[in-house]
Every structure is written in structure tokens, then in C-alpha cells.
């Protein structure tokens, strides 16, 4: 019974950590090439966006879900980001500086 408790605790610990690992894995690597604060847009050179069925890398202009994101980065910064379709526009929903 003691080993069963350990196994259950281990599975619960791994399950709790899994969403964090998956969230990081879903983010795409990119580099900021332009920021347009007034329009709430950012241009990012990036790799494939599989979630949006974009297999090749490219440079794209994105809307940002939260304009405050634009103040956290500058041109040339490497970032990890997530994008999705919001009201018909491809929009950055999460972004952080790459480490």
C-alpha cells in the first residue's frame, strides 16, 4: 500500500506539471522586426505556426491581444509567442522574451 501511495503521488505531480510543459511547447520562436504601438501591431520573423496550418517560416504582421505586450519587447528581441485567430485576424495571444 505504501508503494501505491508513492505511485499515485508521482502521477499527480507529473500531471500537474504537464500543462506548463505543453504550454511552453506550443509557443513559436521568433524575432521582432517592427513594432507599431499606435496600431497595436507587431512584425515577427518566425518559424512554422502549426496550430494555424502555416508550415513554413516567414515574417508576418500580427495584431496583439494586449497592447501592453508591445512595451515588453523591442526590435531585435528574440521571443516565444502563441498566435490564434481572434475576430478573423491572426493575433498574438501570448508573448515572452526568449531566454
Protein backbone atom coordinates (compact mmCIF):
# COMPACT_ATOMS: atom_id res chain seq x y z
CA UNK A 1 0.00 0.00 0.00
CA UNK A 2 2.89 2.37 0.72
CA UNK A 3 4.32 1.98 -2.81
CA UNK A 4 0.87 2.57 -4.33
CA UNK A 5 0.63 5.89 -2.49
CA UNK A 6 4.03 6.88 -3.91
CA UNK A 7 2.99 5.94 -7.46
CA UNK A 8 -0.27 7.90 -7.18
CA UNK A 9 1.56 10.94 -5.78
CA UNK A 10 4.13 10.74 -8.59
CA UNK A 11 1.43 10.55 -11.27
CA UNK A 12 -0.39 13.51 -9.73
CA UNK A 13 2.82 15.56 -9.61
CA UNK A 14 3.59 14.79 -13.26
CA UNK A 15 0.03 15.54 -14.33
CA UNK A 16 0.10 18.89 -12.54
CA UNK A 17 3.35 19.85 -14.32
CA UNK A 18 2.19 18.68 -17.77
CA UNK A 19 0.07 21.73 -18.73
CA UNK A 20 3.01 24.06 -18.10
CA UNK A 21 5.30 21.95 -20.28
CA UNK A 22 2.67 21.72 -23.02
CA UNK A 23 2.01 25.45 -22.95
CA UNK A 24 5.72 26.16 -23.47
CA UNK A 25 5.88 23.58 -26.27
CA UNK A 26 3.04 25.27 -28.17
CA UNK A 27 4.87 28.59 -28.37
CA UNK A 28 6.71 29.54 -31.56
CA UNK A 29 10.20 31.03 -31.73
CA UNK A 30 10.51 34.38 -33.45
CA UNK A 31 12.36 37.67 -33.69
CA UNK A 32 10.72 41.09 -33.50
CA UNK A 33 11.42 43.12 -36.66
CA UNK A 34 8.96 46.02 -36.19
CA UNK A 35 6.60 47.40 -33.54
CA UNK A 36 3.68 49.73 -34.30
CA UNK A 37 2.35 50.85 -30.92
CA UNK A 38 -0.36 53.12 -32.34
CA UNK A 39 -1.86 50.35 -34.49
CA UNK A 40 -1.38 47.62 -31.85
CA UNK A 41 0.68 45.51 -34.26
CA UNK A 42 4.00 43.69 -34.22
CA UNK A 43 6.02 42.19 -37.05
CA UNK A 44 7.73 38.91 -36.20
CA UNK A 45 10.06 36.73 -38.26
CA UNK A 46 9.10 33.22 -37.16
CA UNK A 47 9.11 29.51 -37.80
CA UNK A 48 6.09 27.33 -38.62
CA UNK A 49 2.76 28.08 -36.90
CA UNK A 50 1.38 24.55 -37.00
CA UNK A 51 -1.70 25.47 -35.00
CA UNK A 52 -2.67 27.85 -37.84
CA UNK A 53 -1.60 25.41 -40.60
CA UNK A 54 1.37 27.58 -41.60
CA UNK A 55 4.16 25.11 -42.26
CA UNK A 56 6.94 27.42 -43.45
CA UNK A 57 8.74 30.19 -41.65
CA UNK A 58 8.03 33.77 -42.67
CA UNK A 59 7.80 37.34 -41.49
CA UNK A 60 4.28 38.45 -40.59
CA UNK A 61 2.45 41.41 -39.10
CA UNK A 62 0.26 40.38 -36.16
CA UNK A 63 -2.28 42.21 -34.06
CA UNK A 64 -1.66 41.84 -30.32
CA UNK A 65 -4.38 40.82 -27.92
CA UNK A 66 -2.99 43.11 -25.21
CA UNK A 67 -1.20 46.34 -26.30
CA UNK A 68 0.94 46.14 -23.14
CA UNK A 69 2.80 43.23 -24.82
CA UNK A 70 4.39 45.74 -27.20
CA UNK A 71 6.06 47.59 -24.34
CA UNK A 72 7.79 44.43 -23.10
CA UNK A 73 9.88 43.89 -26.26
CA UNK A 74 11.94 45.89 -28.71
CA UNK A 75 13.05 45.41 -32.32
CA UNK A 76 15.67 42.66 -32.47
CA UNK A 77 14.41 40.77 -29.40
CA UNK A 78 14.03 37.01 -29.71
CA UNK A 79 10.63 35.93 -28.44
CA UNK A 80 8.43 32.92 -27.88
CA UNK A 81 4.81 33.57 -28.78
CA UNK A 82 1.45 31.99 -29.39
CA UNK A 83 -0.97 33.25 -32.02
CA UNK A 84 -4.57 32.42 -32.83
CA UNK A 85 -7.41 33.74 -34.95
CA UNK A 86 -9.31 36.40 -32.98
CA UNK A 87 -12.26 38.08 -34.71
CA UNK A 88 -10.85 36.94 -38.07
CA UNK A 89 -7.35 38.38 -37.52
CA UNK A 90 -4.25 36.39 -36.64
CA UNK A 91 -3.40 37.76 -33.22
CA UNK A 92 -0.54 37.23 -30.77
CA UNK A 93 -2.24 35.97 -27.61
CA UNK A 94 0.91 35.30 -25.53
CA UNK A 95 4.47 36.51 -25.86
CA UNK A 96 7.63 36.46 -23.78
CA UNK A 97 11.28 37.23 -24.39
CA UNK A 98 13.22 34.08 -25.24
CA UNK A 99 15.89 33.06 -22.75
